[in-house]
C-alpha atoms as a PDB file:
ATOM      1  CA  UNK A   1     -10.579  40.930  21.809  1.00  0.00           C
ATOM      2  CA  UNK A   2     -10.093  44.018  23.972  1.00  0.00           C
ATOM      3  CA  UNK A   3     -13.063  45.044  26.053  1.00  0.00           C
ATOM      4  CA  UNK A   4     -14.448  48.533  25.573  1.00  0.00           C
ATOM      5  CA  UNK A   5     -13.324  51.028  28.205  1.00  0.00           C
ATOM      6  CA  UNK A   6     -15.781  52.384  30.748  1.00  0.00           C
ATOM      7  CA  UNK A   7     -15.377  55.812  29.168  1.00  0.00           C
ATOM      8  CA  UNK A   8     -16.368  54.447  25.746  1.00  0.00           C
ATOM      9  CA  UNK A   9     -19.343  52.570  27.208  1.00  0.00           C
ATOM     10  CA  UNK A  10     -20.542  55.688  29.023  1.00  0.00           C
ATOM     11  CA  UNK A  11     -20.190  57.781  25.869  1.00  0.00           C
ATOM     12  CA  UNK A  12     -22.050  55.173  23.810  1.00  0.00           C
ATOM     13  CA  UNK A  13     -24.845  54.961  26.392  1.00  0.00           C
ATOM     14  CA  UNK A  14     -25.167  58.754  26.335  1.00  0.00           C
ATOM     15  CA  UNK A  15     -25.458  59.042  22.572  1.00  0.00           C
ATOM     16  CA  UNK A  16     -27.961  56.188  22.430  1.00  0.00           C
ATOM     17  CA  UNK A  17     -30.337  58.522  24.269  1.00  0.00           C
ATOM     18  CA  UNK A  18     -29.795  61.414  21.854  1.00  0.00           C
ATOM     19  CA  UNK A  19     -32.646  61.857  19.365  1.00  0.00           C
ATOM     20  CA  UNK A  20     -32.459  64.370  16.515  1.00  0.00           C
ATOM     21  CA  UNK A  21     -35.633  66.194  15.543  1.00  0.00           C
ATOM     22  CA  UNK A  22     -36.166  68.877  12.918  1.00  0.00           C
ATOM     23  CA  UNK A  23     -38.545  71.518  11.608  1.00  0.00           C
ATOM     24  CA  UNK A  24     -39.028  75.073  12.826  1.00  0.00           C
ATOM     25  CA  UNK A  25     -42.311  74.600  14.720  1.00  0.00           C
ATOM     26  CA  UNK A  26     -41.067  71.396  16.348  1.00  0.00           C
ATOM     27  CA  UNK A  27     -37.846  73.073  17.482  1.00  0.00           C
ATOM     28  CA  UNK A  28     -39.808  76.027  18.901  1.00  0.00           C
ATOM     29  CA  UNK A  29     -42.060  73.671  20.881  1.00  0.00           C
ATOM     30  CA  UNK A  30     -39.064  71.796  22.254  1.00  0.00           C
ATOM     31  CA  UNK A  31     -37.243  74.977  23.241  1.00  0.00           C
ATOM     32  CA  UNK A  32     -40.366  76.170  25.039  1.00  0.00           C
ATOM     33  CA  UNK A  33     -40.542  72.978  27.118  1.00  0.00           C
ATOM     34  CA  UNK A  34     -38.135  73.341  30.046  1.00  0.00           C
ATOM     35  CA  UNK A  35     -38.548  69.630  30.847  1.00  0.00           C
ATOM     36  CA  UNK A  36     -36.836  68.560  27.617  1.00  0.00           C
ATOM     37  CA  UNK A  37     -33.064  68.296  27.992  1.00  0.00           C
ATOM     38  CA  UNK A  38     -31.256  69.672  24.944  1.00  0.00           C
ATOM     39  CA  UNK A  39     -27.849  68.538  23.740  1.00  0.00           C
ATOM     40  CA  UNK A  40     -27.287  70.695  20.633  1.00  0.00           C
ATOM     41  CA  UNK A  41     -29.183  73.126  18.422  1.00  0.00           C
ATOM     42  CA  UNK A  42     -28.222  73.106  14.740  1.00  0.00           C
ATOM     43  CA  UNK A  43     -29.077  75.691  12.093  1.00  0.00           C
ATOM     44  CA  UNK A  44     -28.256  76.215   8.443  1.00  0.00           C
ATOM     45  CA  UNK A  45     -26.090  79.300   7.974  1.00  0.00           C
ATOM     46  CA  UNK A  46     -28.288  80.296   5.035  1.00  0.00           C
ATOM     47  CA  UNK A  47     -31.396  80.906   7.206  1.00  0.00           C
ATOM     48  CA  UNK A  48     -32.825  84.412   7.231  1.00  0.00           C
ATOM     49  CA  UNK A  49     -33.090  85.659  10.805  1.00  0.00           C
ATOM     50  CA  UNK A  50     -36.770  86.560  10.798  1.00  0.00           C
ATOM     51  CA  UNK A  51     -40.057  84.927  11.746  1.00  0.00           C
ATOM     52  CA  UNK A  52     -39.624  81.458  13.248  1.00  0.00           C
ATOM     53  CA  UNK A  53     -35.827  81.619  13.047  1.00  0.00           C
ATOM     54  CA  UNK A  54     -35.831  84.815  15.102  1.00  0.00           C
ATOM     55  CA  UNK A  55     -38.021  83.133  17.719  1.00  0.00           C
ATOM     56  CA  UNK A  56     -35.750  80.065  17.818  1.00  0.00           C
ATOM     57  CA  UNK A  57     -32.689  82.248  18.383  1.00  0.00           C
ATOM     58  CA  UNK A  58     -34.509  84.162  21.127  1.00  0.00           C
ATOM     59  CA  UNK A  59     -35.522  80.947  22.907  1.00  0.00           C
ATOM     60  CA  UNK A  60     -32.000  79.546  22.557  1.00  0.00           C
ATOM     61  CA  UNK A  61     -30.564  82.681  24.152  1.00  0.00           C
ATOM     62  CA  UNK A  62     -33.104  82.458  26.968  1.00  0.00           C
ATOM     63  CA  UNK A  63     -32.002  78.894  27.661  1.00  0.00           C
ATOM     64  CA  UNK A  64     -28.323  79.827  27.260  1.00  0.00           C
ATOM     65  CA  UNK A  65     -27.825  77.377  24.374  1.00  0.00           C
ATOM     66  CA  UNK A  66     -25.010  77.572  21.882  1.00  0.00           C
ATOM     67  CA  UNK A  67     -26.185  77.499  18.266  1.00  0.00           C
ATOM     68  CA  UNK A  68     -24.143  75.391  15.843  1.00  0.00           C
ATOM     69  CA  UNK A  69     -24.240  76.742  12.284  1.00  0.00           C
ATOM     70  CA  UNK A  70     -23.675  74.526   9.244  1.00  0.00           C
ATOM     71  CA  UNK A  71     -23.864  74.697   5.452  1.00  0.00           C
ATOM     72  CA  UNK A  72     -27.300  73.530   4.290  1.00  0.00           C
ATOM     73  CA  UNK A  73     -26.005  70.196   2.991  1.00  0.00           C
ATOM     74  CA  UNK A  74     -24.333  69.441   6.344  1.00  0.00           C
ATOM     75  CA  UNK A  75     -27.503  70.371   8.238  1.00  0.00           C
ATOM     76  CA  UNK A  76     -29.426  67.971   6.011  1.00  0.00           C
ATOM     77  CA  UNK A  77     -27.072  65.149   6.934  1.00  0.00           C
ATOM     78  CA  UNK A  78     -27.679  65.906  10.612  1.00  0.00           C
ATOM     79  CA  UNK A  79     -31.467  65.997  10.267  1.00  0.00           C
ATOM     80  CA  UNK A  80     -31.535  63.110   7.755  1.00  0.00           C
ATOM     81  CA  UNK A  81     -34.527  64.855   6.182  1.00  0.00           C
ATOM     82  CA  UNK A  82     -33.462  67.585   3.777  1.00  0.00           C
ATOM     83  CA  UNK A  83     -36.996  68.121   2.446  1.00  0.00           C
ATOM     84  CA  UNK A  84     -38.590  68.825   5.810  1.00  0.00           C
ATOM     85  CA  UNK A  85     -35.924  70.132   8.189  1.00  0.00           C
ATOM     86  CA  UNK A  86     -36.515  73.807   7.190  1.00  0.00           C
ATOM     87  CA  UNK A  87     -32.907  74.573   8.033  1.00  0.00           C
ATOM     88  CA  UNK A  88     -33.074  73.636  11.730  1.00  0.00           C
ATOM     89  CA  UNK A  89     -32.459  70.507  13.795  1.00  0.00           C
ATOM     90  CA  UNK A  90     -32.170  69.833  17.491  1.00  0.00           C
ATOM     91  CA  UNK A  91     -30.569  67.010  19.485  1.00  0.00           C
ATOM     92  CA  UNK A  92     -32.499  66.162  22.628  1.00  0.00           C
ATOM     93  CA  UNK A  93     -31.525  63.806  25.426  1.00  0.00           C
ATOM     94  CA  UNK A  94     -34.402  61.385  25.936  1.00  0.00           C
ATOM     95  CA  UNK A  95     -33.837  59.687  29.288  1.00  0.00           C
ATOM     96  CA  UNK A  96     -36.861  57.467  28.594  1.00  0.00           C
ATOM     97  CA  UNK A  97     -35.203  56.065  25.438  1.00  0.00           C
ATOM     98  CA  UNK A  98     -33.292  52.997  26.624  1.00  0.00           C
ATOM     99  CA  UNK A  99     -31.514  49.966  25.259  1.00  0.00           C
ATOM    100  CA  UNK A 100     -33.780  46.905  25.416  1.00  0.00           C
ATOM    101  CA  UNK A 101     -30.954  45.060  27.180  1.00  0.00           C
ATOM    102  CA  UNK A 102     -32.059  46.983  30.284  1.00  0.00           C
ATOM    103  CA  UNK A 103     -35.163  44.783  30.406  1.00  0.00           C
ATOM    104  CA  UNK A 104     -33.023  41.899  31.655  1.00  0.00           C
ATOM    105  CA  UNK A 105     -32.520  43.814  34.912  1.00  0.00           C
ATOM    106  CA  UNK A 106     -36.238  44.204  35.652  1.00  0.00           C
ATOM    107  CA  UNK A 107     -38.164  41.798  37.881  1.00  0.00           C
ATOM    108  CA  UNK A 108     -41.566  42.547  36.365  1.00  0.00           C
ATOM    109  CA  UNK A 109     -43.085  44.426  33.451  1.00  0.00           C
ATOM    110  CA  UNK A 110     -46.032  44.661  31.093  1.00  0.00           C
ATOM    111  CA  UNK A 111     -44.879  45.750  27.641  1.00  0.00           C
ATOM    112  CA  UNK A 112     -46.111  46.309  24.116  1.00  0.00           C
ATOM    113  CA  UNK A 113     -43.612  45.438  21.377  1.00  0.00           C
ATOM    114  CA  UNK A 114     -43.969  46.697  17.814  1.00  0.00           C
ATOM    115  CA  UNK A 115     -43.108  44.561  14.812  1.00  0.00           C
ATOM    116  CA  UNK A 116     -42.850  46.549  11.580  1.00  0.00           C
ATOM    117  CA  UNK A 117     -45.126  49.488  12.441  1.00  0.00           C
ATOM    118  CA  UNK A 118     -44.515  51.875   9.537  1.00  0.00           C
ATOM    119  CA  UNK A 119     -46.979  54.718  10.023  1.00  0.00           C
ATOM    120  CA  UNK A 120     -45.585  57.475  12.295  1.00  0.00           C
ATOM    121  CA  UNK A 121     -49.079  58.591  13.270  1.00  0.00           C
ATOM    122  CA  UNK A 122     -49.898  55.051  14.416  1.00  0.00           C
ATOM    123  CA  UNK A 123     -46.681  54.986  16.421  1.00  0.00           C
ATOM    124  CA  UNK A 124     -47.515  58.303  18.083  1.00  0.00           C
ATOM    125  CA  UNK A 125     -51.033  57.181  18.989  1.00  0.00           C
ATOM    126  CA  UNK A 126     -49.672  53.883  20.357  1.00  0.00           C
ATOM    127  CA  UNK A 127     -47.257  55.811  22.554  1.00  0.00           C
ATOM    128  CA  UNK A 128     -50.082  57.991  23.826  1.00  0.00           C
ATOM    129  CA  UNK A 129     -52.305  55.010  24.719  1.00  0.00           C
ATOM    130  CA  UNK A 130     -49.439  53.177  26.428  1.00  0.00           C
ATOM    131  CA  UNK A 131     -48.451  56.267  28.418  1.00  0.00           C
ATOM    132  CA  UNK A 132     -52.033  56.674  29.610  1.00  0.00           C
ATOM    133  CA  UNK A 133     -52.712  52.991  30.226  1.00  0.00           C
ATOM    134  CA  UNK A 134     -51.433  50.013  32.170  1.00  0.00           C
ATOM    135  CA  UNK A 135     -48.188  49.539  30.231  1.00  0.00           C
ATOM    136  CA  UNK A 136     -44.639  49.825  31.570  1.00  0.00           C
ATOM    137  CA  UNK A 137     -42.920  50.482  28.255  1.00  0.00           C
ATOM    138  CA  UNK A 138     -42.716  49.934  24.505  1.00  0.00           C
ATOM    139  CA  UNK A 139     -40.134  47.877  22.620  1.00  0.00           C
ATOM    140  CA  UNK A 140     -39.385  49.676  19.337  1.00  0.00           C
ATOM    141  CA  UNK A 141     -36.978  48.085  16.826  1.00  0.00           C
ATOM    142  CA  UNK A 142     -34.796  50.392  14.761  1.00  0.00           C
ATOM    143  CA  UNK A 143     -35.118  48.288  11.607  1.00  0.00           C
ATOM    144  CA  UNK A 144     -38.316  48.179   9.538  1.00  0.00           C
ATOM    145  CA  UNK A 145     -40.149  50.529  11.900  1.00  0.00           C
ATOM    146  CA  UNK A 146     -41.228  54.149  11.928  1.00  0.00           C
ATOM    147  CA  UNK A 147     -38.570  56.393  13.432  1.00  0.00           C
ATOM    148  CA  UNK A 148     -39.200  58.888  16.213  1.00  0.00           C
ATOM    149  CA  UNK A 149     -39.969  62.043  14.250  1.00  0.00           C
ATOM    150  CA  UNK A 150     -41.974  65.288  14.430  1.00  0.00           C
ATOM    151  CA  UNK A 151     -45.015  63.389  13.114  1.00  0.00           C
ATOM    152  CA  UNK A 152     -44.700  60.850  15.945  1.00  0.00           C
ATOM    153  CA  UNK A 153     -44.384  63.613  18.517  1.00  0.00           C
ATOM    154  CA  UNK A 154     -47.451  65.389  17.143  1.00  0.00           C
ATOM    155  CA  UNK A 155     -49.536  62.193  17.128  1.00  0.00           C
ATOM    156  CA  UNK A 156     -48.434  61.346  20.672  1.00  0.00           C
ATOM    157  CA  UNK A 157     -49.799  64.712  21.852  1.00  0.00           C
ATOM    158  CA  UNK A 158     -46.777  65.424  24.027  1.00  0.00           C
ATOM    159  CA  UNK A 159     -46.588  62.002  25.703  1.00  0.00           C
ATOM    160  CA  UNK A 160     -43.561  60.607  23.841  1.00  0.00           C
ATOM    161  CA  UNK A 161     -41.153  61.007  26.740  1.00  0.00           C
ATOM    162  CA  UNK A 162     -43.583  59.994  29.479  1.00  0.00           C
ATOM    163  CA  UNK A 163     -43.103  56.250  29.005  1.00  0.00           C
ATOM    164  CA  UNK A 164     -39.922  54.171  28.554  1.00  0.00           C
ATOM    165  CA  UNK A 165     -39.195  53.213  24.955  1.00  0.00           C
ATOM    166  CA  UNK A 166     -36.763  50.306  24.680  1.00  0.00           C
ATOM    167  CA  UNK A 167     -34.882  50.145  21.397  1.00  0.00           C
ATOM    168  CA  UNK A 168     -33.238  47.191  19.675  1.00  0.00           C
ATOM    169  CA  UNK A 169     -32.168  46.466  16.117  1.00  0.00           C
ATOM    170  CA  UNK A 170     -34.814  43.749  15.629  1.00  0.00           C
ATOM    171  CA  UNK A 171     -37.240  42.021  17.958  1.00  0.00           C
ATOM    172  CA  UNK A 172     -35.543  38.751  17.038  1.00  0.00           C
ATOM    173  CA  UNK A 173     -32.397  40.081  18.721  1.00  0.00           C
ATOM    174  CA  UNK A 174     -33.927  40.729  22.134  1.00  0.00           C
ATOM    175  CA  UNK A 175     -36.941  38.414  22.601  1.00  0.00           C
ATOM    176  CA  UNK A 176     -34.951  35.126  22.893  1.00  0.00           C
ATOM    177  CA  UNK A 177     -33.006  36.580  25.832  1.00  0.00           C
ATOM    178  CA  UNK A 178     -36.234  37.442  27.683  1.00  0.00           C
ATOM    179  CA  UNK A 179     -37.032  33.766  28.171  1.00  0.00           C
ATOM    180  CA  UNK A 180     -38.773  34.307  31.521  1.00  0.00           C
ATOM    181  CA  UNK A 181     -41.426  36.540  29.922  1.00  0.00           C
ATOM    182  CA  UNK A 182     -44.746  35.405  28.464  1.00  0.00           C
ATOM    183  CA  UNK A 183     -44.877  36.710  24.893  1.00  0.00           C
ATOM    184  CA  UNK A 184     -48.149  37.038  23.004  1.00  0.00           C
ATOM    185  CA  UNK A 185     -48.596  37.814  19.306  1.00  0.00           C
ATOM    186  CA  UNK A 186     -51.808  39.627  18.359  1.00  0.00           C
ATOM    187  CA  UNK A 187     -53.441  37.805  15.456  1.00  0.00           C
ATOM    188  CA  UNK A 188     -56.956  37.949  14.010  1.00  0.00           C
ATOM    189  CA  UNK A 189     -56.715  34.193  13.342  1.00  0.00           C
ATOM    190  CA  UNK A 190     -55.899  33.116  16.914  1.00  0.00           C
ATOM    191  CA  UNK A 191     -58.405  30.978  18.810  1.00  0.00           C
ATOM    192  CA  UNK A 192     -57.464  32.299  22.233  1.00  0.00           C
ATOM    193  CA  UNK A 193     -58.432  35.899  22.953  1.00  0.00           C
ATOM    194  CA  UNK A 194     -56.978  38.720  25.027  1.00  0.00           C
ATOM    195  CA  UNK A 195     -59.524  37.793  27.718  1.00  0.00           C
ATOM    196  CA  UNK A 196     -58.074  34.301  28.063  1.00  0.00           C
ATOM    197  CA  UNK A 197     -54.667  35.588  29.110  1.00  0.00           C
ATOM    198  CA  UNK A 198     -53.555  35.101  32.697  1.00  0.00           C
ATOM    199  CA  UNK A 199     -50.477  37.237  33.071  1.00  0.00           C
ATOM    200  CA  UNK A 200     -47.295  36.378  34.919  1.00  0.00           C
ATOM    201  CA  UNK A 201     -44.791  38.864  36.319  1.00  0.00           C
ATOM    202  CA  UNK A 202     -43.470  39.591  32.830  1.00  0.00           C
ATOM    203  CA  UNK A 203     -45.750  39.938  29.816  1.00  0.00           C
ATOM    204  CA  UNK A 204     -45.088  41.226  26.298  1.00  0.00           C
ATOM    205  CA  UNK A 205     -47.795  41.834  23.697  1.00  0.00           C
ATOM    206  CA  UNK A 206     -46.562  42.096  20.110  1.00  0.00           C
ATOM    207  CA  UNK A 207     -48.441  44.193  17.574  1.00  0.00           C
ATOM    208  CA  UNK A 208     -47.598  43.619  13.936  1.00  0.00           C
ATOM    209  CA  UNK A 209     -47.363  45.573  10.710  1.00  0.00           C
ATOM    210  CA  UNK A 210     -50.454  47.516   9.612  1.00  0.00           C
ATOM    211  CA  UNK A 211     -50.995  45.243   6.585  1.00  0.00           C
ATOM    212  CA  UNK A 212     -49.242  41.951   7.282  1.00  0.00           C
ATOM    213  CA  UNK A 213     -49.435  41.571  11.042  1.00  0.00           C
ATOM    214  CA  UNK A 214     -46.725  39.939  13.160  1.00  0.00           C
ATOM    215  CA  UNK A 215     -43.956  38.433  11.052  1.00  0.00           C
ATOM    216  CA  UNK A 216     -43.453  34.660  11.018  1.00  0.00           C
ATOM    217  CA  UNK A 217     -39.948  35.072  12.448  1.00  0.00           C
ATOM    218  CA  UNK A 218     -41.259  36.970  15.476  1.00  0.00           C
ATOM    219  CA  UNK A 219     -44.355  34.796  15.879  1.00  0.00           C
ATOM    220  CA  UNK A 220     -42.117  31.750  16.311  1.00  0.00           C
ATOM    221  CA  UNK A 221     -40.624  33.404  19.386  1.00  0.00           C
ATOM    222  CA  UNK A 222     -44.021  33.863  21.076  1.00  0.00           C
ATOM    223  CA  UNK A 223     -45.645  31.632  23.671  1.00  0.00           C
ATOM    224  CA  UNK A 224     -49.098  32.082  22.190  1.00  0.00           C
ATOM    225  CA  UNK A 225     -51.160  34.008  19.637  1.00  0.00           C
ATOM    226  CA  UNK A 226     -54.235  35.862  20.838  1.00  0.00           C
ATOM    227  CA  UNK A 227     -57.038  37.740  19.128  1.00  0.00           C
ATOM    228  CA  UNK A 228     -59.560  40.445  19.911  1.00  0.00           C
ATOM    229  CA  UNK A 229     -63.090  39.039  19.581  1.00  0.00           C
ATOM    230  CA  UNK A 230     -65.135  41.205  17.216  1.00  0.00           C
ATOM    231  CA  UNK A 231     -68.765  41.434  16.207  1.00  0.00           C
ATOM    232  CA  UNK A 232     -70.750  42.071  13.004  1.00  0.00           C
ATOM    233  CA  UNK A 233     -68.183  40.632  10.649  1.00  0.00           C
ATOM    234  CA  UNK A 234     -65.489  43.188  11.412  1.00  0.00           C
ATOM    235  CA  UNK A 235     -62.170  41.495  10.608  1.00  0.00           C
ATOM    236  CA  UNK A 236     -59.535  43.810  12.033  1.00  0.00           C
ATOM    237  CA  UNK A 237     -58.802  46.990  13.973  1.00  0.00           C
ATOM    238  CA  UNK A 238     -56.282  49.747  13.478  1.00  0.00           C
ATOM    239  CA  UNK A 239     -53.069  48.838  15.293  1.00  0.00           C
ATOM    240  CA  UNK A 240     -53.287  51.944  17.488  1.00  0.00           C
ATOM    241  CA  UNK A 241     -56.789  50.922  18.602  1.00  0.00           C
ATOM    242  CA  UNK A 242     -55.476  47.437  19.399  1.00  0.00           C
ATOM    243  CA  UNK A 243     -52.724  49.005  21.507  1.00  0.00           C
ATOM    244  CA  UNK A 244     -55.357  50.971  23.437  1.00  0.00           C
ATOM    245  CA  UNK A 245     -57.340  47.831  24.217  1.00  0.00           C
ATOM    246  CA  UNK A 246     -54.226  46.053  25.482  1.00  0.00           C
ATOM    247  CA  UNK A 247     -53.124  49.094  27.473  1.00  0.00           C
ATOM    248  CA  UNK A 248     -56.391  49.424  29.348  1.00  0.00           C
ATOM    249  CA  UNK A 249     -57.499  45.827  29.798  1.00  0.00           C
ATOM    250  CA  UNK A 250     -57.500  44.544  33.357  1.00  0.00           C
ATOM    251  CA  UNK A 251     -55.838  41.174  33.857  1.00  0.00           C
ATOM    252  CA  UNK A 252     -55.585  38.791  36.750  1.00  0.00           C
ATOM    253  CA  UNK A 253     -52.066  37.627  37.457  1.00  0.00           C
ATOM    254  CA  UNK A 254     -50.862  34.152  38.281  1.00  0.00           C
END
């Protein structure tokens, strides 16, 4: 089988970092942020050039961006959200969005991995806590997980691109290859707690689905299950709160 050319690999790596967002207010906010690198700005050719559209065009001109016009149905295919794109979409280059294979090159890390997190607001709040806390990155599968969207950006309060997000198709695809990392599944049923953990150079904490927790398939790939000790009969915490506790807990290392 012929190996991919360097040109193809470079092109693939570039487009892996491209994230498409949509919605007039979101696009305005992105255009106003000079730190966000923009690849393409898309608009439906049926938009009336007033209000928010007028402001978008003005900001695009200020940043010397070419505007790509499309029929509404084509724009909807680009945004992948016909009901909410409001006739505009923007491709941004997220340098912090990386293939999880890159983790194999790192000598140390402290990560939170997400297994089936569906709520975009939870994802945004998790990103915010991790960006503020003692976490080096987030592993975010593409399958069975919330996608990076305007709701995620809003919930992250502008922190989405301040921390590396490592993508993979499924956690089961990447975790077995990180065999030198200590992997912990958060579970309310675990006997050991987060305060029993003595971290090594590489640690990964897996947070599971809002209703079902960490899947059995992923749990089998973990070194241990750990819980958060709780008082007064409280059985569980919101997954974003759990992420905050992990992000800010102080741990001794081996």
